[in-house]
Amino acid sequence: MTAAVDDDLWSAIGDPTRRRMLDLLLAAGNGTATSLSEQLPVTRQAIAKHLGVLDRVGLVHATPAGRERRYHVDEAQLARAVAQLASVGSAWDARLRRIKRLAEAIQAAKDQRTTQ
């Protein structure tokens, strides 16, 4: 694989609520725990915890905004995650092609034995 896989990053992205939060932040440009909780079926406290996870892996960054914190997506870190996904996908595609070739060779050998 060309990009090293960051397990913490993928653990953070693995949660559907966090992925939805990233989508919302990307669409709006930024958001607060309060604004995100108005769009998701979870509490503001749960949103804050999810934002903490995303912040720890560098996918979002916060800036103070009055009594709240305004979060935005770190596009460079998101691009790194996308590159990792592409790399993992390519590796699995190569593995599946090898498995297919082996299965076809086994089937061809079996077919050859039955026709003899």
PDB file of N, CA and C in Angstrom:
ATOM      1  N   MET A   1       0.837  -1.174   0.000  1.00  0.00           N
ATOM      2  CA  MET A   1       0.000   0.000   0.000  1.00  0.00           C
ATOM      3  C   MET A   1       0.884   1.240   0.000  1.00  0.00           C
ATOM      4  N   THR A   2       0.399   2.257  -0.665  1.00  0.00           N
ATOM      5  CA  THR A   2       1.203   3.461  -0.764  1.00  0.00           C
ATOM      6  C   THR A   2       1.064   4.358   0.457  1.00  0.00           C
ATOM      7  N   ALA A   3      -0.078   4.356   1.105  1.00  0.00           N
ATOM      8  CA  ALA A   3      -0.276   5.190   2.291  1.00  0.00           C
ATOM      9  C   ALA A   3      -0.418   4.294   3.510  1.00  0.00           C
ATOM     10  N   ALA A   4       0.283   4.643   4.569  1.00  0.00           N
ATOM     11  CA  ALA A   4       0.161   3.867   5.803  1.00  0.00           C
ATOM     12  C   ALA A   4      -1.232   4.079   6.369  1.00  0.00           C
ATOM     13  N   VAL A   5      -1.839   3.005   6.860  1.00  0.00           N
ATOM     14  CA  VAL A   5      -3.188   3.092   7.409  1.00  0.00           C
ATOM     15  C   VAL A   5      -3.108   3.542   8.853  1.00  0.00           C
ATOM     16  N   ASP A   6      -3.859   4.564   9.182  1.00  0.00           N
ATOM     17  CA  ASP A   6      -3.920   5.128  10.517  1.00  0.00           C
ATOM     18  C   ASP A   6      -5.177   4.569  11.196  1.00  0.00           C
ATOM     19  N   ASP A   7      -4.996   3.605  12.105  1.00  0.00           N
ATOM     20  CA  ASP A   7      -6.137   2.957  12.745  1.00  0.00           C
ATOM     21  C   ASP A   7      -7.008   3.928  13.524  1.00  0.00           C
ATOM     22  N   ASP A   8      -6.410   4.907  14.196  1.00  0.00           N
ATOM     23  CA  ASP A   8      -7.197   5.880  14.953  1.00  0.00           C
ATOM     24  C   ASP A   8      -8.079   6.708  14.016  1.00  0.00           C
ATOM     25  N   LEU A   9      -7.524   7.093  12.889  1.00  0.00           N
ATOM     26  CA  LEU A   9      -8.281   7.852  11.905  1.00  0.00           C
ATOM     27  C   LEU A   9      -9.472   7.033  11.418  1.00  0.00           C
ATOM     28  N   TRP A  10      -9.221   5.766  11.088  1.00  0.00           N
ATOM     29  CA  TRP A  10     -10.301   4.934  10.564  1.00  0.00           C
ATOM     30  C   TRP A  10     -11.304   4.550  11.631  1.00  0.00           C
ATOM     31  N   SER A  11     -10.872   4.455  12.862  1.00  0.00           N
ATOM     32  CA  SER A  11     -11.808   4.223  13.956  1.00  0.00           C
ATOM     33  C   SER A  11     -12.748   5.421  14.079  1.00  0.00           C
ATOM     34  N   ALA A  12     -12.193   6.616  13.959  1.00  0.00           N
ATOM     35  CA  ALA A  12     -13.013   7.829  14.041  1.00  0.00           C
ATOM     36  C   ALA A  12     -13.998   7.905  12.878  1.00  0.00           C
ATOM     37  N   ILE A  13     -13.551   7.603  11.695  1.00  0.00           N
ATOM     38  CA  ILE A  13     -14.404   7.683  10.508  1.00  0.00           C
ATOM     39  C   ILE A  13     -15.400   6.520  10.463  1.00  0.00           C
ATOM     40  N   GLY A  14     -15.089   5.447  11.168  1.00  0.00           N
ATOM     41  CA  GLY A  14     -15.938   4.266  11.138  1.00  0.00           C
ATOM     42  C   GLY A  14     -17.320   4.472  11.734  1.00  0.00           C
ATOM     43  N   ASP A  15     -17.500   5.503  12.517  1.00  0.00           N
ATOM     44  CA  ASP A  15     -18.788   5.749  13.158  1.00  0.00           C
ATOM     45  C   ASP A  15     -19.702   6.534  12.209  1.00  0.00           C
ATOM     46  N   PRO A  16     -20.921   6.037  11.943  1.00  0.00           N
ATOM     47  CA  PRO A  16     -21.812   6.720  10.999  1.00  0.00           C
ATOM     48  C   PRO A  16     -22.200   8.134  11.434  1.00  0.00           C
ATOM     49  N   THR A  17     -22.350   8.360  12.728  1.00  0.00           N
ATOM     50  CA  THR A  17     -22.688   9.709  13.195  1.00  0.00           C
ATOM     51  C   THR A  17     -21.557  10.677  12.892  1.00  0.00           C
ATOM     52  N   ARG A  18     -20.331  10.247  13.106  1.00  0.00           N
ATOM     53  CA  ARG A  18     -19.189  11.125  12.816  1.00  0.00           C
ATOM     54  C   ARG A  18     -19.064  11.394  11.323  1.00  0.00           C
ATOM     55  N   ARG A  19     -19.343  10.377  10.493  1.00  0.00           N
ATOM     56  CA  ARG A  19     -19.300  10.605   9.038  1.00  0.00           C
ATOM     57  C   ARG A  19     -20.366  11.627   8.638  1.00  0.00           C
ATOM     58  N   ARG A  20     -21.538  11.509   9.226  1.00  0.00           N
ATOM     59  CA  ARG A  20     -22.614  12.465   8.922  1.00  0.00           C
ATOM     60  C   ARG A  20     -22.220  13.868   9.384  1.00  0.00           C
ATOM     61  N   MET A  21     -21.575  13.960  10.539  1.00  0.00           N
ATOM     62  CA  MET A  21     -21.113  15.250  11.034  1.00  0.00           C
ATOM     63  C   MET A  21     -20.110  15.866  10.066  1.00  0.00           C
ATOM     64  N   LEU A  22     -19.192  15.067   9.566  1.00  0.00           N
ATOM     65  CA  LEU A  22     -18.221  15.569   8.581  1.00  0.00           C
ATOM     66  C   LEU A  22     -18.937  16.086   7.337  1.00  0.00           C
ATOM     67  N   ASP A  23     -19.943  15.335   6.876  1.00  0.00           N
ATOM     68  CA  ASP A  23     -20.721  15.779   5.714  1.00  0.00           C
ATOM     69  C   ASP A  23     -21.361  17.138   5.977  1.00  0.00           C
ATOM     70  N   LEU A  24     -21.979  17.282   7.158  1.00  0.00           N
ATOM     71  CA  LEU A  24     -22.646  18.539   7.500  1.00  0.00           C
ATOM     72  C   LEU A  24     -21.654  19.689   7.596  1.00  0.00           C
ATOM     73  N   LEU A  25     -20.503  19.433   8.219  1.00  0.00           N
ATOM     74  CA  LEU A  25     -19.484  20.477   8.337  1.00  0.00           C
ATOM     75  C   LEU A  25     -18.936  20.881   6.972  1.00  0.00           C
ATOM     76  N   LEU A  26     -18.723  19.907   6.109  1.00  0.00           N
ATOM     77  CA  LEU A  26     -18.232  20.212   4.763  1.00  0.00           C
ATOM     78  C   LEU A  26     -19.259  21.031   3.987  1.00  0.00           C
ATOM     79  N   ALA A  27     -20.533  20.665   4.109  1.00  0.00           N
ATOM     80  CA  ALA A  27     -21.585  21.378   3.377  1.00  0.00           C
ATOM     81  C   ALA A  27     -21.728  22.818   3.869  1.00  0.00           C
ATOM     82  N   ALA A  28     -21.643  23.013   5.183  1.00  0.00           N
ATOM     83  CA  ALA A  28     -21.848  24.342   5.759  1.00  0.00           C
ATOM     84  C   ALA A  28     -20.559  25.160   5.838  1.00  0.00           C
ATOM     85  N   GLY A  29     -19.428  24.504   5.767  1.00  0.00           N
ATOM     86  CA  GLY A  29     -18.153  25.186   5.933  1.00  0.00           C
ATOM     87  C   GLY A  29     -17.650  25.139   7.358  1.00  0.00           C
ATOM     88  N   ASN A  30     -18.578  25.120   8.317  1.00  0.00           N
ATOM     89  CA  ASN A  30     -18.225  24.992   9.733  1.00  0.00           C
ATOM     90  C   ASN A  30     -19.506  24.787  10.537  1.00  0.00           C
ATOM     91  N   GLY A  31     -19.368  24.563  11.818  1.00  0.00           N
ATOM     92  CA  GLY A  31     -20.545  24.394  12.664  1.00  0.00           C
ATOM     93  C   GLY A  31     -20.156  24.245  14.112  1.00  0.00           C
ATOM     94  N   THR A  32     -21.142  24.343  14.966  1.00  0.00           N
ATOM     95  CA  THR A  32     -20.945  24.171  16.403  1.00  0.00           C
ATOM     96  C   THR A  32     -21.646  22.895  16.846  1.00  0.00           C
ATOM     97  N   ALA A  33     -21.363  22.471  18.062  1.00  0.00           N
ATOM     98  CA  ALA A  33     -22.047  21.289  18.593  1.00  0.00           C
ATOM     99  C   ALA A  33     -23.556  21.527  18.591  1.00  0.00           C
ATOM    100  N   THR A  34     -23.964  22.741  18.918  1.00  0.00           N
ATOM    101  CA  THR A  34     -25.394  23.070  18.940  1.00  0.00           C
ATOM    102  C   THR A  34     -26.001  22.995  17.548  1.00  0.00           C
ATOM    103  N   SER A  35     -25.346  23.600  16.558  1.00  0.00           N
ATOM    104  CA  SER A  35     -25.906  23.580  15.200  1.00  0.00           C
ATOM    105  C   SER A  35     -25.945  22.156  14.638  1.00  0.00           C
ATOM    106  N   LEU A  36     -24.955  21.357  14.967  1.00  0.00           N
ATOM    107  CA  LEU A  36     -24.952  19.965  14.495  1.00  0.00           C
ATOM    108  C   LEU A  36     -26.032  19.142  15.195  1.00  0.00           C
ATOM    109  N   SER A  37     -26.245  19.392  16.487  1.00  0.00           N
ATOM    110  CA  SER A  37     -27.254  18.618  17.220  1.00  0.00           C
ATOM    111  C   SER A  37     -28.660  18.908  16.719  1.00  0.00           C
ATOM    112  N   GLU A  38     -28.853  20.070  16.108  1.00  0.00           N
ATOM    113  CA  GLU A  38     -30.163  20.409  15.537  1.00  0.00           C
ATOM    114  C   GLU A  38     -30.440  19.613  14.257  1.00  0.00           C
ATOM    115  N   GLN A  39     -29.380  19.056  13.666  1.00  0.00           N
ATOM    116  CA  GLN A  39     -29.523  18.330  12.400  1.00  0.00           C
ATOM    117  C   GLN A  39     -29.356  16.822  12.540  1.00  0.00           C
ATOM    118  N   LEU A  40     -29.024  16.369  13.734  1.00  0.00           N
ATOM    119  CA  LEU A  40     -28.769  14.946  13.957  1.00  0.00           C
ATOM    120  C   LEU A  40     -29.615  14.438  15.120  1.00  0.00           C
ATOM    121  N   PRO A  41     -29.940  13.154  15.110  1.00  0.00           N
ATOM    122  CA  PRO A  41     -30.805  12.609  16.159  1.00  0.00           C
ATOM    123  C   PRO A  41     -30.043  12.194  17.428  1.00  0.00           C
ATOM    124  N   VAL A  42     -29.089  13.006  17.839  1.00  0.00           N
ATOM    125  CA  VAL A  42     -28.336  12.745  19.064  1.00  0.00           C
ATOM    126  C   VAL A  42     -28.228  14.042  19.867  1.00  0.00           C
ATOM    127  N   THR A  43     -27.901  13.918  21.131  1.00  0.00           N
ATOM    128  CA  THR A  43     -27.828  15.095  21.995  1.00  0.00           C
ATOM    129  C   THR A  43     -26.617  15.952  21.676  1.00  0.00           C
ATOM    130  N   ARG A  44     -26.681  17.198  22.142  1.00  0.00           N
ATOM    131  CA  ARG A  44     -25.552  18.106  21.988  1.00  0.00           C
ATOM    132  C   ARG A  44     -24.320  17.539  22.683  1.00  0.00           C
ATOM    133  N   GLN A  45     -24.496  16.903  23.835  1.00  0.00           N
ATOM    134  CA  GLN A  45     -23.366  16.316  24.565  1.00  0.00           C
ATOM    135  C   GLN A  45     -22.724  15.187  23.754  1.00  0.00           C
ATOM    136  N   ALA A  46     -23.545  14.374  23.107  1.00  0.00           N
ATOM    137  CA  ALA A  46     -23.001  13.299  22.261  1.00  0.00           C
ATOM    138  C   ALA A  46     -22.244  13.894  21.077  1.00  0.00           C
ATOM    139  N   ILE A  47     -22.799  14.947  20.496  1.00  0.00           N
ATOM    140  CA  ILE A  47     -22.122  15.622  19.386  1.00  0.00           C
ATOM    141  C   ILE A  47     -20.759  16.138  19.844  1.00  0.00           C
ATOM    142  N   ALA A  48     -20.716  16.751  21.029  1.00  0.00           N
ATOM    143  CA  ALA A  48     -19.452  17.282  21.554  1.00  0.00           C
ATOM    144  C   ALA A  48     -18.422  16.163  21.716  1.00  0.00           C
ATOM    145  N   LYS A  49     -18.856  15.009  22.182  1.00  0.00           N
ATOM    146  CA  LYS A  49     -17.921  13.871  22.329  1.00  0.00           C
ATOM    147  C   LYS A  49     -17.423  13.406  20.961  1.00  0.00           C
ATOM    148  N   HIS A  50     -18.326  13.315  20.003  1.00  0.00           N
ATOM    149  CA  HIS A  50     -17.924  12.914  18.646  1.00  0.00           C
ATOM    150  C   HIS A  50     -16.944  13.933  18.049  1.00  0.00           C
ATOM    151  N   LEU A  51     -17.211  15.213  18.265  1.00  0.00           N
ATOM    152  CA  LEU A  51     -16.301  16.248  17.771  1.00  0.00           C
ATOM    153  C   LEU A  51     -14.930  16.119  18.421  1.00  0.00           C
ATOM    154  N   GLY A  52     -14.901  15.731  19.687  1.00  0.00           N
ATOM    155  CA  GLY A  52     -13.627  15.512  20.374  1.00  0.00           C
ATOM    156  C   GLY A  52     -12.820  14.405  19.716  1.00  0.00           C
ATOM    157  N   VAL A  53     -13.503  13.330  19.326  1.00  0.00           N
ATOM    158  CA  VAL A  53     -12.825  12.223  18.638  1.00  0.00           C
ATOM    159  C   VAL A  53     -12.271  12.703  17.299  1.00  0.00           C
ATOM    160  N   LEU A  54     -13.095  13.408  16.542  1.00  0.00           N
ATOM    161  CA  LEU A  54     -12.652  13.910  15.235  1.00  0.00           C
ATOM    162  C   LEU A  54     -11.504  14.904  15.376  1.00  0.00           C
ATOM    163  N   ASP A  55     -11.542  15.693  16.442  1.00  0.00           N
ATOM    164  CA  ASP A  55     -10.463  16.660  16.698  1.00  0.00           C
ATOM    165  C   ASP A  55      -9.160  15.948  17.049  1.00  0.00           C
ATOM    166  N   ARG A  56      -9.243  14.895  17.852  1.00  0.00           N
ATOM    167  CA  ARG A  56      -8.029  14.158  18.254  1.00  0.00           C
ATOM    168  C   ARG A  56      -7.301  13.551  17.068  1.00  0.00           C
ATOM    169  N   VAL A  57      -8.042  13.126  16.047  1.00  0.00           N
ATOM    170  CA  VAL A  57      -7.382  12.540  14.868  1.00  0.00           C
ATOM    171  C   VAL A  57      -7.094  13.578  13.794  1.00  0.00           C
ATOM    172  N   GLY A  58      -7.421  14.843  14.083  1.00  0.00           N
ATOM    173  CA  GLY A  58      -7.078  15.922  13.169  1.00  0.00           C
ATOM    174  C   GLY A  58      -8.042  16.155  12.028  1.00  0.00           C
ATOM    175  N   LEU A  59      -9.207  15.516  12.050  1.00  0.00           N
ATOM    176  CA  LEU A  59     -10.162  15.719  10.967  1.00  0.00           C
ATOM    177  C   LEU A  59     -10.923  17.035  11.097  1.00  0.00           C
ATOM    178  N   VAL A  60     -11.053  17.540  12.309  1.00  0.00           N
ATOM    179  CA  VAL A  60     -11.675  18.844  12.512  1.00  0.00           C
ATOM    180  C   VAL A  60     -10.800  19.668  13.441  1.00  0.00           C
ATOM    181  N   HIS A  61     -10.965  20.965  13.354  1.00  0.00           N
ATOM    182  CA  HIS A  61     -10.281  21.898  14.252  1.00  0.00           C
ATOM    183  C   HIS A  61     -11.320  22.895  14.738  1.00  0.00           C
ATOM    184  N   ALA A  62     -11.131  23.363  15.962  1.00  0.00           N
ATOM    185  CA  ALA A  62     -12.095  24.284  16.555  1.00  0.00           C
ATOM    186  C   ALA A  62     -11.477  25.648  16.792  1.00  0.00           C
ATOM    187  N   THR A  63     -12.317  26.651  16.654  1.00  0.00           N
ATOM    188  CA  THR A  63     -11.940  28.002  17.032  1.00  0.00           C
ATOM    189  C   THR A  63     -13.027  28.532  17.958  1.00  0.00           C
ATOM    190  N   PRO A  64     -12.639  29.280  18.991  1.00  0.00           N
ATOM    191  CA  PRO A  64     -13.644  29.826  19.904  1.00  0.00           C
ATOM    192  C   PRO A  64     -14.596  30.769  19.165  1.00  0.00           C
ATOM    193  N   ALA A  65     -15.876  30.656  19.495  1.00  0.00           N
ATOM    194  CA  ALA A  65     -16.902  31.527  18.909  1.00  0.00           C
ATOM    195  C   ALA A  65     -17.884  31.883  20.021  1.00  0.00           C
ATOM    196  N   GLY A  66     -17.569  32.910  20.772  1.00  0.00           N
ATOM    197  CA  GLY A  66     -18.410  33.257  21.919  1.00  0.00           C
ATOM    198  C   GLY A  66     -18.297  32.174  22.979  1.00  0.00           C
ATOM    199  N   ARG A  67     -19.437  31.655  23.390  1.00  0.00           N
ATOM    200  CA  ARG A  67     -19.446  30.601  24.409  1.00  0.00           C
ATOM    201  C   ARG A  67     -19.270  29.208  23.815  1.00  0.00           C
ATOM    202  N   GLU A  68     -19.234  29.116  22.504  1.00  0.00           N
ATOM    203  CA  GLU A  68     -19.100  27.811  21.846  1.00  0.00           C
ATOM    204  C   GLU A  68     -17.793  27.749  21.075  1.00  0.00           C
ATOM    205  N   ARG A  69     -17.606  26.615  20.472  1.00  0.00           N
ATOM    206  CA  ARG A  69     -16.457  26.397  19.595  1.00  0.00           C
ATOM    207  C   ARG A  69     -17.007  26.091  18.210  1.00  0.00           C
ATOM    208  N   ARG A  70     -16.429  26.727  17.211  1.00  0.00           N
ATOM    209  CA  ARG A  70     -16.846  26.509  15.826  1.00  0.00           C
ATOM    210  C   ARG A  70     -15.854  25.556  15.183  1.00  0.00           C
ATOM    211  N   TYR A  71     -16.366  24.471  14.632  1.00  0.00           N
ATOM    212  CA  TYR A  71     -15.536  23.415  14.054  1.00  0.00           C
ATOM    213  C   TYR A  71     -15.543  23.506  12.537  1.00  0.00           C
ATOM    214  N   HIS A  72     -14.392  23.215  11.951  1.00  0.00           N
ATOM    215  CA  HIS A  72     -14.280  23.099  10.500  1.00  0.00           C
ATOM    216  C   HIS A  72     -13.436  21.866  10.182  1.00  0.00           C
ATOM    217  N   VAL A  73     -13.673  21.311   9.004  1.00  0.00           N
ATOM    218  CA  VAL A  73     -12.963  20.100   8.569  1.00  0.00           C
ATOM    219  C   VAL A  73     -11.574  20.482   8.085  1.00  0.00           C
ATOM    220  N   ASP A  74     -10.586  19.698   8.510  1.00  0.00           N
ATOM    221  CA  ASP A  74      -9.214  19.862   8.008  1.00  0.00           C
ATOM    222  C   ASP A  74      -9.146  19.097   6.689  1.00  0.00           C
ATOM    223  N   GLU A  75      -9.171  19.837   5.604  1.00  0.00           N
ATOM    224  CA  GLU A  75      -9.247  19.196   4.287  1.00  0.00           C
ATOM    225  C   GLU A  75      -8.009  18.374   3.958  1.00  0.00           C
ATOM    226  N   ALA A  76      -6.851  18.774   4.468  1.00  0.00           N
ATOM    227  CA  ALA A  76      -5.629  17.996   4.218  1.00  0.00           C
ATOM    228  C   ALA A  76      -5.719  16.630   4.897  1.00  0.00           C
ATOM    229  N   GLN A  77      -6.222  16.600   6.121  1.00  0.00           N
ATOM    230  CA  GLN A  77      -6.366  15.328   6.836  1.00  0.00           C
ATOM    231  C   GLN A  77      -7.447  14.473   6.181  1.00  0.00           C
ATOM    232  N   LEU A  78      -8.513  15.100   5.714  1.00  0.00           N
ATOM    233  CA  LEU A  78      -9.558  14.361   5.011  1.00  0.00           C
ATOM    234  C   LEU A  78      -9.001  13.772   3.720  1.00  0.00           C
ATOM    235  N   ALA A  79      -8.173  14.541   3.015  1.00  0.00           N
ATOM    236  CA  ALA A  79      -7.540  14.034   1.785  1.00  0.00           C
ATOM    237  C   ALA A  79      -6.635  12.850   2.104  1.00  0.00           C
ATOM    238  N   ARG A  80      -5.949  12.915   3.250  1.00  0.00           N
ATOM    239  CA  ARG A  80      -5.107  11.783   3.680  1.00  0.00           C
ATOM    240  C   ARG A  80      -5.965  10.537   3.904  1.00  0.00           C
ATOM    241  N   ALA A  81      -7.124  10.728   4.517  1.00  0.00           N
ATOM    242  CA  ALA A  81      -8.036   9.604   4.748  1.00  0.00           C
ATOM    243  C   ALA A  81      -8.530   9.016   3.429  1.00  0.00           C
ATOM    244  N   VAL A  82      -8.858   9.885   2.486  1.00  0.00           N
ATOM    245  CA  VAL A  82      -9.313   9.425   1.174  1.00  0.00           C
ATOM    246  C   VAL A  82      -8.199   8.648   0.470  1.00  0.00           C
ATOM    247  N   ALA A  83      -6.965   9.140   0.571  1.00  0.00           N
ATOM    248  CA  ALA A  83      -5.830   8.442  -0.041  1.00  0.00           C
ATOM    249  C   ALA A  83      -5.646   7.068   0.584  1.00  0.00           C
ATOM    250  N   GLN A  84      -5.818   6.984   1.899  1.00  0.00           N
ATOM    251  CA  GLN A  84      -5.703   5.690   2.568  1.00  0.00           C
ATOM    252  C   GLN A  84      -6.793   4.737   2.082  1.00  0.00           C
ATOM    253  N   LEU A  85      -8.005   5.239   1.952  1.00  0.00           N
ATOM    254  CA  LEU A  85      -9.110   4.409   1.481  1.00  0.00           C
ATOM    255  C   LEU A  85      -8.839   3.913   0.065  1.00  0.00           C
ATOM    256  N   ALA A  86      -8.359   4.791  -0.789  1.00  0.00           N
ATOM    257  CA  ALA A  86      -8.034   4.395  -2.162  1.00  0.00           C
ATOM    258  C   ALA A  86      -6.943   3.330  -2.177  1.00  0.00           C
ATOM    259  N   SER A  87      -5.947   3.494  -1.327  1.00  0.00           N
ATOM    260  CA  SER A  87      -4.849   2.532  -1.250  1.00  0.00           C
ATOM    261  C   SER A  87      -5.345   1.173  -0.771  1.00  0.00           C
ATOM    262  N   VAL A  88      -6.155   1.177   0.265  1.00  0.00           N
ATOM    263  CA  VAL A  88      -6.711  -0.076   0.785  1.00  0.00           C
ATOM    264  C   VAL A  88      -7.608  -0.719  -0.272  1.00  0.00           C
ATOM    265  N   GLY A  89      -8.415   0.094  -0.939  1.00  0.00           N
ATOM    266  CA  GLY A  89      -9.285  -0.430  -1.997  1.00  0.00           C
ATOM    267  C   GLY A  89      -8.489  -1.066  -3.128  1.00  0.00           C
ATOM    268  N   SER A  90      -7.414  -0.423  -3.534  1.00  0.00           N
ATOM    269  CA  SER A  90      -6.568  -0.977  -4.601  1.00  0.00           C
ATOM    270  C   SER A  90      -5.932  -2.298  -4.185  1.00  0.00           C
ATOM    271  N   ALA A  91      -5.481  -2.352  -2.930  1.00  0.00           N
ATOM    272  CA  ALA A  91      -4.871  -3.587  -2.433  1.00  0.00           C
ATOM    273  C   ALA A  91      -5.895  -4.725  -2.430  1.00  0.00           C
ATOM    274  N   TRP A  92      -7.121  -4.427  -1.993  1.00  0.00           N
ATOM    275  CA  TRP A  92      -8.151  -5.470  -1.979  1.00  0.00           C
ATOM    276  C   TRP A  92      -8.550  -5.868  -3.397  1.00  0.00           C
ATOM    277  N   ASP A  93      -8.613  -4.915  -4.313  1.00  0.00           N
ATOM    278  CA  ASP A  93      -8.914  -5.253  -5.708  1.00  0.00           C
ATOM    279  C   ASP A  93      -7.870  -6.212  -6.256  1.00  0.00           C
ATOM    280  N   ALA A  94      -6.590  -5.970  -5.968  1.00  0.00           N
ATOM    281  CA  ALA A  94      -5.518  -6.853  -6.427  1.00  0.00           C
ATOM    282  C   ALA A  94      -5.658  -8.241  -5.808  1.00  0.00           C
ATOM    283  N   ARG A  95      -5.963  -8.292  -4.518  1.00  0.00           N
ATOM    284  CA  ARG A  95      -6.167  -9.597  -3.863  1.00  0.00           C
ATOM    285  C   ARG A  95      -7.323 -10.351  -4.490  1.00  0.00           C
ATOM    286  N   LEU A  96      -8.422  -9.667  -4.737  1.00  0.00           N
ATOM    287  CA  LEU A  96      -9.587 -10.325  -5.327  1.00  0.00           C
ATOM    288  C   LEU A  96      -9.297 -10.819  -6.738  1.00  0.00           C
ATOM    289  N   ARG A  97      -8.509 -10.060  -7.506  1.00  0.00           N
ATOM    290  CA  ARG A  97      -8.122 -10.532  -8.845  1.00  0.00           C
ATOM    291  C   ARG A  97      -7.299 -11.816  -8.750  1.00  0.00           C
ATOM    292  N   ARG A  98      -6.360 -11.866  -7.768  1.00  0.00           N
ATOM    293  CA  ARG A  98      -5.552 -13.082  -7.588  1.00  0.00           C
ATOM    294  C   ARG A  98      -6.431 -14.256  -7.181  1.00  0.00           C
ATOM    295  N   ILE A  99      -7.376 -14.026  -6.288  1.00  0.00           N
ATOM    296  CA  ILE A  99      -8.287 -15.099  -5.858  1.00  0.00           C
ATOM    297  C   ILE A  99      -9.106 -15.594  -7.049  1.00  0.00           C
ATOM    298  N   LYS A 100      -9.585 -14.668  -7.875  1.00  0.00           N
ATOM    299  CA  LYS A 100     -10.368 -15.044  -9.052  1.00  0.00           C
ATOM    300  C   LYS A 100      -9.533 -15.893  -9.999  1.00  0.00           C
ATOM    301  N   ARG A 101      -8.286 -15.472 -10.243  1.00  0.00           N
ATOM    302  CA  ARG A 101      -7.414 -16.261 -11.135  1.00  0.00           C
ATOM    303  C   ARG A 101      -7.186 -17.668 -10.576  1.00  0.00           C
ATOM    304  N   LEU A 102      -6.944 -17.770  -9.272  1.00  0.00           N
ATOM    305  CA  LEU A 102      -6.749 -19.085  -8.652  1.00  0.00           C
ATOM    306  C   LEU A 102      -8.003 -19.943  -8.775  1.00  0.00           C
ATOM    307  N   ALA A 103      -9.162 -19.354  -8.505  1.00  0.00           N
ATOM    308  CA  ALA A 103     -10.421 -20.101  -8.604  1.00  0.00           C
ATOM    309  C   ALA A 103     -10.669 -20.565 -10.032  1.00  0.00           C
ATOM    310  N   GLU A 104     -10.383 -19.701 -10.993  1.00  0.00           N
ATOM    311  CA  GLU A 104     -10.552 -20.085 -12.404  1.00  0.00           C
ATOM    312  C   GLU A 104      -9.594 -21.195 -12.790  1.00  0.00           C
ATOM    313  N   ALA A 105      -8.357 -21.140 -12.304  1.00  0.00           N
ATOM    314  CA  ALA A 105      -7.377 -22.193 -12.600  1.00  0.00           C
ATOM    315  C   ALA A 105      -7.814 -23.513 -11.978  1.00  0.00           C
ATOM    316  N   ILE A 106      -8.318 -23.475 -10.751  1.00  0.00           N
ATOM    317  CA  ILE A 106      -8.804 -24.691 -10.092  1.00  0.00           C
ATOM    318  C   ILE A 106      -9.987 -25.267 -10.865  1.00  0.00           C
ATOM    319  N   GLN A 107     -10.917 -24.394 -11.271  1.00  0.00           N
ATOM    320  CA  GLN A 107     -12.084 -24.858 -12.032  1.00  0.00           C
ATOM    321  C   GLN A 107     -11.663 -25.437 -13.375  1.00  0.00           C
ATOM    322  N   ALA A 108     -10.697 -24.794 -14.048  1.00  0.00           N
ATOM    323  CA  ALA A 108     -10.233 -25.297 -15.343  1.00  0.00           C
ATOM    324  C   ALA A 108      -9.580 -26.666 -15.177  1.00  0.00           C
ATOM    325  N   ALA A 109      -8.791 -26.831 -14.131  1.00  0.00           N
ATOM    326  CA  ALA A 109      -8.155 -28.130 -13.880  1.00  0.00           C
ATOM    327  C   ALA A 109      -9.210 -29.185 -13.586  1.00  0.00           C
ATOM    328  N   LYS A 110     -10.220 -28.838 -12.835  1.00  0.00           N
ATOM    329  CA  LYS A 110     -11.309 -29.769 -12.512  1.00  0.00           C
ATOM    330  C   LYS A 110     -12.071 -30.142 -13.778  1.00  0.00           C
ATOM    331  N   ASP A 111     -12.365 -29.133 -14.615  1.00  0.00           N
ATOM    332  CA  ASP A 111     -13.078 -29.394 -15.873  1.00  0.00           C
ATOM    333  C   ASP A 111     -12.265 -30.295 -16.778  1.00  0.00           C
ATOM    334  N   GLN A 112     -10.943 -30.084 -16.790  1.00  0.00           N
ATOM    335  CA  GLN A 112     -10.066 -30.882 -17.638  1.00  0.00           C
ATOM    336  C   GLN A 112     -10.068 -32.344 -17.163  1.00  0.00           C
ATOM    337  N   ARG A 113     -10.066 -32.556 -15.852  1.00  0.00           N
ATOM    338  CA  ARG A 113     -10.068 -33.929 -15.304  1.00  0.00           C
ATOM    339  C   ARG A 113     -11.369 -34.638 -15.642  1.00  0.00           C
ATOM    340  N   THR A 114     -12.495 -33.932 -15.643  1.00  0.00           N
ATOM    341  CA  THR A 114     -13.775 -34.572 -15.902  1.00  0.00           C
ATOM    342  C   THR A 114     -13.974 -34.889 -17.377  1.00  0.00           C
ATOM    343  N   THR A 115     -13.261 -34.204 -18.266  1.00  0.00           N
ATOM    344  CA  THR A 115     -13.402 -34.474 -19.685  1.00  0.00           C
ATOM    345  C   THR A 115     -12.444 -35.553 -20.174  1.00  0.00           C
ATOM    346  N   GLN A 116     -11.535 -35.988 -19.318  1.00  0.00           N
ATOM    347  CA  GLN A 116     -10.560 -37.010 -19.744  1.00  0.00           C
ATOM    348  C   GLN A 116     -11.098 -38.392 -19.561  1.00  0.00           C
TER     349      GLN A 116
END
